[in-house]
Amino acid sequence: MFLSRSKFGLMASLVLAIAFSTSANAQGSDTQAMMDLVIQVQQLQDEVRMLRGMLEEQAMELENLGDRQRDQYLDLDQRITELRSSGSAPRVATGVGGPPPAAYGTAEQAQPQTQPVVREDVPEVRPALDTPSTVSGIATPDTQARAMAASPEAEKTLYDQAFQSLKDMKYADAAQQFQSFLDRYPTSEYSDNAQYWLGESYYVTRNYEIALESFRTLLTRYPDSPKVADALLKIGYTHYELKQWDQARAALVQVQEQYPDTTLARLAGSRLRSMKVEGHF
């Protein structure tokens, strides 16, 4: 009997509690919903902060990786340049852009070392010029011969100075020196490299319009250069920075089609995926 009364009292209490709570819930339902939304917004804000921090860390890592790759690339270009100047240029250049000439076999390893001598052989023509000509006819070829013999060293020195400025991140000096080199030696064996690094100097300093012109000049003036693929990729990058999405996409797709299964093609594909995620096509 006592238990039944207790149960009855408990049930009555529950009914009263429900009766009071329904009216309170009717009034406080909107408030509770707003509180839930506020909590959800705070949680989303926390997640956004966390994701933003992760993105900043990844961006920093990518920037550091890009710096390391740039340094390695500059070092590699410098080594190739030194090999060119030492007389091994035919084997190095063909390793990048085409088959080696037949004249450079393993049995003639001394041949590259004699390559600079070919340029120094020009003064030996002088006796043939002396015989039929007068004194006035000797002076001009003699002066030209000395200038030709000295030009390789002058070219190498000027190119190295510009390239060192680039490695030292003195981009304004590098751009000026590379342009001076191209003005003085437009047909040098280093001219294609100088043209590319001239564009790179402007690209790094965000002078995108001038950089684009420099890279395009390389394509038209040095179509057989090993730097053509790099210049084409940078043309796509430069159009991207200029928000010229159609031109950027066209250049990057061209890199993928002309240079498949290469690092340049993978870089072009990565930038294309970024453009797609960003909604640029």
C-alpha atoms as a PDB file:
ATOM      1  CA  MET A   1       0.000   0.000   0.000  1.00  0.00           C
ATOM      2  CA  PHE A   2       2.794   2.308   0.865  1.00  0.00           C
ATOM      3  CA  LEU A   3       4.555   1.363  -2.348  1.00  0.00           C
ATOM      4  CA  SER A   4       1.493   2.065  -4.443  1.00  0.00           C
ATOM      5  CA  ARG A   5       1.105   5.486  -2.846  1.00  0.00           C
ATOM      6  CA  SER A   6       4.768   6.163  -3.475  1.00  0.00           C
ATOM      7  CA  LYS A   7       4.396   5.188  -7.092  1.00  0.00           C
ATOM      8  CA  PHE A   8       1.315   7.369  -7.395  1.00  0.00           C
ATOM      9  CA  GLY A   9       3.154  10.298  -5.866  1.00  0.00           C
ATOM     10  CA  LEU A  10       6.100   9.781  -8.186  1.00  0.00           C
ATOM     11  CA  MET A  11       3.864   9.635 -11.237  1.00  0.00           C
ATOM     12  CA  ALA A  12       2.081  12.790 -10.141  1.00  0.00           C
ATOM     13  CA  SER A  13       5.398  14.559  -9.760  1.00  0.00           C
ATOM     14  CA  LEU A  14       6.449  13.485 -13.220  1.00  0.00           C
ATOM     15  CA  VAL A  15       3.174  14.706 -14.721  1.00  0.00           C
ATOM     16  CA  LEU A  16       3.570  18.088 -13.041  1.00  0.00           C
ATOM     17  CA  ALA A  17       7.168  18.316 -14.158  1.00  0.00           C
ATOM     18  CA  ILE A  18       6.201  17.517 -17.733  1.00  0.00           C
ATOM     19  CA  ALA A  19       3.349  20.034 -17.604  1.00  0.00           C
ATOM     20  CA  PHE A  20       5.676  22.798 -16.432  1.00  0.00           C
ATOM     21  CA  SER A  21       8.472  21.804 -18.791  1.00  0.00           C
ATOM     22  CA  THR A  22       6.263  21.817 -21.885  1.00  0.00           C
ATOM     23  CA  SER A  23       5.384  25.437 -21.404  1.00  0.00           C
ATOM     24  CA  ALA A  24       9.030  26.271 -20.669  1.00  0.00           C
ATOM     25  CA  ASN A  25      10.200  24.286 -23.678  1.00  0.00           C
ATOM     26  CA  ALA A  26       7.676  26.027 -25.881  1.00  0.00           C
ATOM     27  CA  GLN A  27       9.206  29.338 -24.882  1.00  0.00           C
ATOM     28  CA  GLY A  28      12.832  28.222 -24.682  1.00  0.00           C
ATOM     29  CA  SER A  29      13.045  26.057 -27.791  1.00  0.00           C
ATOM     30  CA  ASP A  30      14.174  28.971 -29.948  1.00  0.00           C
ATOM     31  CA  THR A  31      16.738  29.997 -27.345  1.00  0.00           C
ATOM     32  CA  GLN A  32      18.130  26.469 -27.186  1.00  0.00           C
ATOM     33  CA  ALA A  33      18.324  26.301 -30.968  1.00  0.00           C
ATOM     34  CA  MET A  34      20.255  29.589 -31.056  1.00  0.00           C
ATOM     35  CA  MET A  35      22.635  28.306 -28.396  1.00  0.00           C
ATOM     36  CA  ASP A  36      23.228  25.149 -30.412  1.00  0.00           C
ATOM     37  CA  LEU A  37      23.971  27.229 -33.511  1.00  0.00           C
ATOM     38  CA  VAL A  38      26.392  29.422 -31.581  1.00  0.00           C
ATOM     39  CA  ILE A  39      28.219  26.348 -30.318  1.00  0.00           C
ATOM     40  CA  GLN A  40      28.399  24.916 -33.828  1.00  0.00           C
ATOM     41  CA  VAL A  41      29.726  28.192 -35.222  1.00  0.00           C
ATOM     42  CA  GLN A  42      32.405  28.310 -32.528  1.00  0.00           C
ATOM     43  CA  GLN A  43      33.403  24.749 -33.340  1.00  0.00           C
ATOM     44  CA  LEU A  44      33.627  25.597 -37.035  1.00  0.00           C
ATOM     45  CA  GLN A  45      35.715  28.663 -36.274  1.00  0.00           C
ATOM     46  CA  ASP A  46      38.094  26.537 -34.239  1.00  0.00           C
ATOM     47  CA  GLU A  47      38.395  24.062 -37.093  1.00  0.00           C
ATOM     48  CA  VAL A  48      39.012  26.879 -39.578  1.00  0.00           C
ATOM     49  CA  ARG A  49      41.784  28.273 -37.366  1.00  0.00           C
ATOM     50  CA  MET A  50      43.350  24.845 -37.140  1.00  0.00           C
ATOM     51  CA  LEU A  51      43.159  24.326 -40.912  1.00  0.00           C
ATOM     52  CA  ARG A  52      44.538  27.800 -41.527  1.00  0.00           C
ATOM     53  CA  GLY A  53      47.499  27.046 -39.306  1.00  0.00           C
ATOM     54  CA  MET A  54      48.116  23.799 -41.165  1.00  0.00           C
ATOM     55  CA  LEU A  55      47.949  25.635 -44.499  1.00  0.00           C
ATOM     56  CA  GLU A  56      50.415  28.249 -43.298  1.00  0.00           C
ATOM     57  CA  GLU A  57      52.817  25.535 -42.175  1.00  0.00           C
ATOM     58  CA  GLN A  58      52.489  23.749 -45.507  1.00  0.00           C
ATOM     59  CA  ALA A  59      52.957  27.007 -47.396  1.00  0.00           C
ATOM     60  CA  MET A  60      56.137  27.664 -45.443  1.00  0.00           C
ATOM     61  CA  GLU A  61      57.391  24.160 -46.171  1.00  0.00           C
ATOM     62  CA  LEU A  62      56.617  24.584 -49.871  1.00  0.00           C
ATOM     63  CA  GLU A  63      58.433  27.905 -49.926  1.00  0.00           C
ATOM     64  CA  ASN A  64      61.480  26.374 -48.274  1.00  0.00           C
ATOM     65  CA  LEU A  65      61.334  23.459 -50.689  1.00  0.00           C
ATOM     66  CA  GLY A  66      61.094  25.873 -53.604  1.00  0.00           C
ATOM     67  CA  ASP A  67      64.139  27.758 -52.348  1.00  0.00           C
ATOM     68  CA  ARG A  68      66.113  24.531 -52.055  1.00  0.00           C
ATOM     69  CA  GLN A  69      65.063  23.448 -55.531  1.00  0.00           C
ATOM     70  CA  ARG A  70      65.995  26.845 -56.929  1.00  0.00           C
ATOM     71  CA  ASP A  71      69.439  26.651 -55.333  1.00  0.00           C
ATOM     72  CA  GLN A  72      69.967  23.138 -56.680  1.00  0.00           C
ATOM     73  CA  TYR A  73      68.804  24.232 -60.097  1.00  0.00           C
ATOM     74  CA  LEU A  74      71.154  27.199 -60.091  1.00  0.00           C
ATOM     75  CA  ASP A  75      74.037  24.969 -59.029  1.00  0.00           C
ATOM     76  CA  LEU A  76      73.223  22.509 -61.799  1.00  0.00           C
ATOM     77  CA  ASP A  77      73.110  25.275 -64.381  1.00  0.00           C
ATOM     78  CA  GLN A  78      76.421  26.591 -63.137  1.00  0.00           C
ATOM     79  CA  ARG A  79      78.019  23.155 -63.474  1.00  0.00           C
ATOM     80  CA  ILE A  80      76.691  22.774 -66.999  1.00  0.00           C
ATOM     81  CA  THR A  81      78.070  26.194 -67.835  1.00  0.00           C
ATOM     82  CA  GLU A  82      81.485  25.261 -66.447  1.00  0.00           C
ATOM     83  CA  LEU A  83      81.473  22.037 -68.452  1.00  0.00           C
ATOM     84  CA  ARG A  84      80.665  24.020 -71.560  1.00  0.00           C
ATOM     85  CA  SER A  85      83.562  26.372 -70.991  1.00  0.00           C
ATOM     86  CA  SER A  86      85.966  23.478 -70.317  1.00  0.00           C
ATOM     87  CA  GLY A  87      85.308  22.029 -73.760  1.00  0.00           C
ATOM     88  CA  SER A  88      82.921  19.253 -72.739  1.00  0.00           C
ATOM     89  CA  ALA A  89      79.891  21.204 -73.935  1.00  0.00           C
ATOM     90  CA  PRO A  90      78.974  18.867 -76.819  1.00  0.00           C
ATOM     91  CA  ARG A  91      78.538  15.845 -74.551  1.00  0.00           C
ATOM     92  CA  VAL A  92      76.709  17.783 -71.850  1.00  0.00           C
ATOM     93  CA  ALA A  93      74.355  19.611 -74.210  1.00  0.00           C
ATOM     94  CA  THR A  94      73.431  16.458 -76.131  1.00  0.00           C
ATOM     95  CA  GLY A  95      72.719  14.666 -72.892  1.00  0.00           C
ATOM     96  CA  VAL A  96      69.945  17.179 -72.389  1.00  0.00           C
ATOM     97  CA  GLY A  97      68.657  17.950 -75.835  1.00  0.00           C
ATOM     98  CA  GLY A  98      69.693  15.307 -78.365  1.00  0.00           C
ATOM     99  CA  PRO A  99      72.089  12.559 -79.531  1.00  0.00           C
ATOM    100  CA  PRO A 100      75.868  13.082 -79.236  1.00  0.00           C
ATOM    101  CA  PRO A 101      77.799  13.976 -82.365  1.00  0.00           C
ATOM    102  CA  ALA A 102      79.759  11.139 -83.969  1.00  0.00           C
ATOM    103  CA  ALA A 103      82.995  13.121 -83.740  1.00  0.00           C
ATOM    104  CA  TYR A 104      83.065  12.759 -79.944  1.00  0.00           C
ATOM    105  CA  GLY A 105      83.756   9.087 -79.320  1.00  0.00           C
ATOM    106  CA  THR A 106      85.406   7.408 -76.371  1.00  0.00           C
ATOM    107  CA  ALA A 107      88.614   6.932 -78.307  1.00  0.00           C
ATOM    108  CA  GLU A 108      88.956  10.699 -78.756  1.00  0.00           C
ATOM    109  CA  GLN A 109      88.600  11.949 -75.193  1.00  0.00           C
ATOM    110  CA  ALA A 110      91.308  14.499 -75.827  1.00  0.00           C
ATOM    111  CA  GLN A 111      89.151  16.082 -78.528  1.00  0.00           C
ATOM    112  CA  PRO A 112      87.042  18.277 -76.121  1.00  0.00           C
ATOM    113  CA  GLN A 113      90.193  19.674 -74.550  1.00  0.00           C
ATOM    114  CA  THR A 114      91.389  20.883 -77.930  1.00  0.00           C
ATOM    115  CA  GLN A 115      88.078  22.623 -78.694  1.00  0.00           C
ATOM    116  CA  PRO A 116      89.223  26.041 -77.322  1.00  0.00           C
ATOM    117  CA  VAL A 117      92.333  25.714 -79.494  1.00  0.00           C
ATOM    118  CA  VAL A 118      90.113  25.832 -82.569  1.00  0.00           C
ATOM    119  CA  ARG A 119      89.246  29.411 -81.707  1.00  0.00           C
ATOM    120  CA  GLU A 120      92.887  30.220 -80.949  1.00  0.00           C
ATOM    121  CA  ASP A 121      93.956  28.863 -84.357  1.00  0.00           C
ATOM    122  CA  VAL A 122      92.554  31.961 -86.034  1.00  0.00           C
ATOM    123  CA  PRO A 123      95.847  33.947 -85.736  1.00  0.00           C
ATOM    124  CA  GLU A 124      97.609  31.212 -87.769  1.00  0.00           C
ATOM    125  CA  VAL A 125      95.759  32.501 -90.835  1.00  0.00           C
ATOM    126  CA  ARG A 126      97.792  35.688 -90.676  1.00  0.00           C
ATOM    127  CA  PRO A 127     100.738  34.446 -92.790  1.00  0.00           C
ATOM    128  CA  ALA A 128      98.335  33.658 -95.627  1.00  0.00           C
ATOM    129  CA  LEU A 129      96.942  37.175 -95.373  1.00  0.00           C
ATOM    130  CA  ASP A 130     100.378  38.768 -95.246  1.00  0.00           C
ATOM    131  CA  THR A 131     101.530  37.352 -98.527  1.00  0.00           C
ATOM    132  CA  PRO A 132      99.173  38.956-101.058  1.00  0.00           C
ATOM    133  CA  SER A 133      98.152  42.079 -99.182  1.00  0.00           C
ATOM    134  CA  THR A 134      99.747  45.341 -98.271  1.00  0.00           C
ATOM    135  CA  VAL A 135     100.289  46.768 -94.809  1.00  0.00           C
ATOM    136  CA  SER A 136      96.853  48.403 -94.842  1.00  0.00           C
ATOM    137  CA  GLY A 137      95.197  45.033 -95.486  1.00  0.00           C
ATOM    138  CA  ILE A 138      96.816  43.307 -92.518  1.00  0.00           C
ATOM    139  CA  ALA A 139      95.611  45.518 -89.675  1.00  0.00           C
ATOM    140  CA  THR A 140      91.866  44.747 -89.811  1.00  0.00           C
ATOM    141  CA  PRO A 141      91.966  40.929 -89.767  1.00  0.00           C
ATOM    142  CA  ASP A 142      94.711  41.042 -87.159  1.00  0.00           C
ATOM    143  CA  THR A 143      92.519  43.087 -84.799  1.00  0.00           C
ATOM    144  CA  GLN A 144      89.496  40.898 -85.431  1.00  0.00           C
ATOM    145  CA  ALA A 145      91.486  37.779 -84.754  1.00  0.00           C
ATOM    146  CA  ARG A 146      92.607  39.040 -81.376  1.00  0.00           C
ATOM    147  CA  ALA A 147      89.030  40.043 -80.488  1.00  0.00           C
ATOM    148  CA  MET A 148      87.724  36.577 -81.427  1.00  0.00           C
ATOM    149  CA  ALA A 149      90.398  34.879 -79.370  1.00  0.00           C
ATOM    150  CA  ALA A 150      89.546  36.964 -76.306  1.00  0.00           C
ATOM    151  CA  SER A 151      85.751  36.757 -76.600  1.00  0.00           C
ATOM    152  CA  PRO A 152      85.181  33.324 -74.980  1.00  0.00           C
ATOM    153  CA  GLU A 153      86.849  34.394 -71.759  1.00  0.00           C
ATOM    154  CA  ALA A 154      85.011  37.713 -71.745  1.00  0.00           C
ATOM    155  CA  GLU A 155      81.696  35.949 -72.365  1.00  0.00           C
ATOM    156  CA  LYS A 156      82.301  33.464 -69.574  1.00  0.00           C
ATOM    157  CA  THR A 157      83.340  36.168 -67.123  1.00  0.00           C
ATOM    158  CA  LEU A 158      80.327  38.361 -67.791  1.00  0.00           C
ATOM    159  CA  TYR A 159      77.913  35.426 -67.644  1.00  0.00           C
ATOM    160  CA  ASP A 160      79.403  34.175 -64.381  1.00  0.00           C
ATOM    161  CA  GLN A 161      79.074  37.617 -62.817  1.00  0.00           C
ATOM    162  CA  ALA A 162      75.392  37.792 -63.713  1.00  0.00           C
ATOM    163  CA  PHE A 163      74.764  34.250 -62.559  1.00  0.00           C
ATOM    164  CA  GLN A 164      76.521  34.868 -59.248  1.00  0.00           C
ATOM    165  CA  SER A 165      74.318  37.911 -58.646  1.00  0.00           C
ATOM    166  CA  LEU A 166      71.301  35.697 -59.235  1.00  0.00           C
ATOM    167  CA  LYS A 167      72.563  33.111 -56.754  1.00  0.00           C
ATOM    168  CA  ASP A 168      73.172  35.879 -54.235  1.00  0.00           C
ATOM    169  CA  MET A 169      69.535  36.985 -54.727  1.00  0.00           C
ATOM    170  CA  LYS A 170      70.642  40.350 -56.094  1.00  0.00           C
ATOM    171  CA  TYR A 171      67.918  40.150 -58.683  1.00  0.00           C
ATOM    172  CA  ALA A 172      68.082  43.723 -59.937  1.00  0.00           C
ATOM    173  CA  ASP A 173      71.832  43.430 -60.527  1.00  0.00           C
ATOM    174  CA  ALA A 174      71.363  40.028 -62.149  1.00  0.00           C
ATOM    175  CA  ALA A 175      68.729  41.356 -64.561  1.00  0.00           C
ATOM    176  CA  GLN A 176      70.944  44.260 -65.573  1.00  0.00           C
ATOM    177  CA  GLN A 177      73.992  42.027 -66.040  1.00  0.00           C
ATOM    178  CA  PHE A 178      72.142  39.376 -68.033  1.00  0.00           C
ATOM    179  CA  GLN A 179      70.701  42.064 -70.307  1.00  0.00           C
ATOM    180  CA  SER A 180      74.160  43.554 -70.764  1.00  0.00           C
ATOM    181  CA  PHE A 181      75.483  40.109 -71.639  1.00  0.00           C
ATOM    182  CA  LEU A 182      72.754  39.582 -74.250  1.00  0.00           C
ATOM    183  CA  ASP A 183      73.370  42.997 -75.755  1.00  0.00           C
ATOM    184  CA  ARG A 184      77.087  42.322 -76.067  1.00  0.00           C
ATOM    185  CA  TYR A 185      76.997  38.624 -77.007  1.00  0.00           C
ATOM    186  CA  PRO A 186      73.649  37.854 -78.674  1.00  0.00           C
ATOM    187  CA  THR A 187      75.010  34.710 -80.377  1.00  0.00           C
ATOM    188  CA  SER A 188      77.028  33.347 -77.466  1.00  0.00           C
ATOM    189  CA  GLU A 189      76.715  29.723 -76.403  1.00  0.00           C
ATOM    190  CA  TYR A 190      75.394  31.089 -73.091  1.00  0.00           C
ATOM    191  CA  SER A 191      72.811  33.424 -74.631  1.00  0.00           C
ATOM    192  CA  ASP A 192      69.860  31.049 -74.232  1.00  0.00           C
ATOM    193  CA  ASN A 193      70.681  30.508 -70.567  1.00  0.00           C
ATOM    194  CA  ALA A 194      71.131  34.233 -70.058  1.00  0.00           C
ATOM    195  CA  GLN A 195      67.758  34.910 -71.676  1.00  0.00           C
ATOM    196  CA  TYR A 196      66.043  32.400 -69.390  1.00  0.00           C
ATOM    197  CA  TRP A 197      67.657  33.682 -66.207  1.00  0.00           C
ATOM    198  CA  LEU A 198      66.843  37.229 -67.249  1.00  0.00           C
ATOM    199  CA  GLY A 199      63.173  36.240 -67.245  1.00  0.00           C
ATOM    200  CA  GLU A 200      63.620  34.431 -63.948  1.00  0.00           C
ATOM    201  CA  SER A 201      65.119  37.561 -62.377  1.00  0.00           C
ATOM    202  CA  TYR A 202      62.023  39.540 -63.322  1.00  0.00           C
ATOM    203  CA  TYR A 203      59.654  36.728 -62.314  1.00  0.00           C
ATOM    204  CA  VAL A 204      61.077  36.479 -58.795  1.00  0.00           C
ATOM    205  CA  THR A 205      60.685  40.231 -58.324  1.00  0.00           C
ATOM    206  CA  ARG A 206      57.059  40.058 -59.574  1.00  0.00           C
ATOM    207  CA  ASN A 207      57.743  42.030 -62.735  1.00  0.00           C
ATOM    208  CA  TYR A 208      55.527  39.567 -64.542  1.00  0.00           C
ATOM    209  CA  GLU A 209      54.964  41.500 -67.753  1.00  0.00           C
ATOM    210  CA  ILE A 210      58.712  41.870 -68.381  1.00  0.00           C
ATOM    211  CA  ALA A 211      59.322  38.263 -67.321  1.00  0.00           C
ATOM    212  CA  LEU A 212      56.710  37.044 -69.787  1.00  0.00           C
ATOM    213  CA  GLU A 213      58.366  38.984 -72.598  1.00  0.00           C
ATOM    214  CA  SER A 214      61.766  37.515 -71.690  1.00  0.00           C
ATOM    215  CA  PHE A 215      60.495  33.928 -71.671  1.00  0.00           C
ATOM    216  CA  ARG A 216      58.703  34.443 -74.987  1.00  0.00           C
ATOM    217  CA  THR A 217      61.886  35.873 -76.493  1.00  0.00           C
ATOM    218  CA  LEU A 218      63.710  32.680 -75.561  1.00  0.00           C
ATOM    219  CA  LEU A 219      61.112  30.576 -77.407  1.00  0.00           C
ATOM    220  CA  THR A 220      61.375  32.631 -80.575  1.00  0.00           C
ATOM    221  CA  ARG A 221      65.098  33.397 -80.587  1.00  0.00           C
ATOM    222  CA  TYR A 222      66.445  30.080 -79.276  1.00  0.00           C
ATOM    223  CA  PRO A 223      63.892  27.426 -80.306  1.00  0.00           C
ATOM    224  CA  ASP A 224      66.422  24.578 -79.983  1.00  0.00           C
ATOM    225  CA  SER A 225      67.608  25.523 -76.505  1.00  0.00           C
ATOM    226  CA  PRO A 226      67.252  23.029 -73.626  1.00  0.00           C
ATOM    227  CA  LYS A 227      65.713  25.932 -71.699  1.00  0.00           C
ATOM    228  CA  VAL A 228      62.627  26.028 -73.937  1.00  0.00           C
ATOM    229  CA  ALA A 229      60.681  23.593 -71.750  1.00  0.00           C
ATOM    230  CA  ASP A 230      61.478  25.563 -68.591  1.00  0.00           C
ATOM    231  CA  ALA A 231      60.537  28.819 -70.284  1.00  0.00           C
ATOM    232  CA  LEU A 232      57.216  27.377 -71.440  1.00  0.00           C
ATOM    233  CA  LEU A 233      56.392  26.275 -67.905  1.00  0.00           C
ATOM    234  CA  LYS A 234      57.281  29.718 -66.569  1.00  0.00           C
ATOM    235  CA  ILE A 235      55.085  31.316 -69.224  1.00  0.00           C
ATOM    236  CA  GLY A 236      52.191  29.332 -67.776  1.00  0.00           C
ATOM    237  CA  TYR A 237      53.143  30.370 -64.255  1.00  0.00           C
ATOM    238  CA  THR A 238      53.434  34.016 -65.290  1.00  0.00           C
ATOM    239  CA  HIS A 239      50.018  34.039 -66.950  1.00  0.00           C
ATOM    240  CA  TYR A 240      48.666  32.519 -63.736  1.00  0.00           C
ATOM    241  CA  GLU A 241      50.146  35.317 -61.656  1.00  0.00           C
ATOM    242  CA  LEU A 242      48.650  37.833 -64.085  1.00  0.00           C
ATOM    243  CA  LYS A 243      45.256  36.104 -63.675  1.00  0.00           C
ATOM    244  CA  GLN A 244      45.198  35.301 -67.371  1.00  0.00           C
ATOM    245  CA  TRP A 245      43.640  31.917 -66.818  1.00  0.00           C
ATOM    246  CA  ASP A 246      43.074  30.819 -70.428  1.00  0.00           C
ATOM    247  CA  GLN A 247      46.650  31.601 -71.471  1.00  0.00           C
ATOM    248  CA  ALA A 248      48.022  29.948 -68.343  1.00  0.00           C
ATOM    249  CA  ARG A 249      46.025  26.801 -68.975  1.00  0.00           C
ATOM    250  CA  ALA A 250      47.091  26.660 -72.642  1.00  0.00           C
ATOM    251  CA  ALA A 251      50.800  26.957 -71.790  1.00  0.00           C
ATOM    252  CA  LEU A 252      50.648  24.388 -68.985  1.00  0.00           C
ATOM    253  CA  VAL A 253      48.738  21.889 -71.126  1.00  0.00           C
ATOM    254  CA  GLN A 254      51.349  22.403 -73.842  1.00  0.00           C
ATOM    255  CA  VAL A 255      54.079  21.480 -71.353  1.00  0.00           C
ATOM    256  CA  GLN A 256      52.232  18.276 -70.481  1.00  0.00           C
ATOM    257  CA  GLU A 257      51.748  17.349 -74.133  1.00  0.00           C
ATOM    258  CA  GLN A 258      55.247  18.165 -75.371  1.00  0.00           C
ATOM    259  CA  TYR A 259      57.204  16.920 -72.342  1.00  0.00           C
ATOM    260  CA  PRO A 260      55.260  13.968 -70.869  1.00  0.00           C
ATOM    261  CA  ASP A 261      56.646  11.927 -67.971  1.00  0.00           C
ATOM    262  CA  THR A 262      58.955  14.739 -66.871  1.00  0.00           C
ATOM    263  CA  THR A 263      59.228  16.839 -63.751  1.00  0.00           C
ATOM    264  CA  LEU A 264      58.079  19.855 -65.760  1.00  0.00           C
ATOM    265  CA  ALA A 265      54.928  18.001 -66.838  1.00  0.00           C
ATOM    266  CA  ARG A 266      54.191  17.080 -63.229  1.00  0.00           C
ATOM    267  CA  LEU A 267      54.649  20.685 -62.127  1.00  0.00           C
ATOM    268  CA  ALA A 268      52.333  21.835 -64.901  1.00  0.00           C
ATOM    269  CA  GLY A 269      49.731  19.268 -63.838  1.00  0.00           C
ATOM    270  CA  SER A 270      49.948  20.396 -60.228  1.00  0.00           C
ATOM    271  CA  ARG A 271      49.308  24.014 -61.195  1.00  0.00           C
ATOM    272  CA  LEU A 272      46.415  22.971 -63.435  1.00  0.00           C
ATOM    273  CA  ARG A 273      44.819  21.075 -60.557  1.00  0.00           C
ATOM    274  CA  SER A 274      45.189  24.131 -58.349  1.00  0.00           C
ATOM    275  CA  MET A 275      43.510  26.268 -60.995  1.00  0.00           C
ATOM    276  CA  LYS A 276      40.633  23.797 -61.230  1.00  0.00           C
ATOM    277  CA  VAL A 277      40.144  23.755 -57.456  1.00  0.00           C
ATOM    278  CA  GLU A 278      40.207  27.561 -57.434  1.00  0.00           C
ATOM    279  CA  GLY A 279      37.462  27.567 -60.064  1.00  0.00           C
ATOM    280  CA  HIS A 280      39.459  29.159 -62.892  1.00  0.00           C
ATOM    281  CA  PHE A 281      38.231  26.572 -65.399  1.00  0.00           C
END
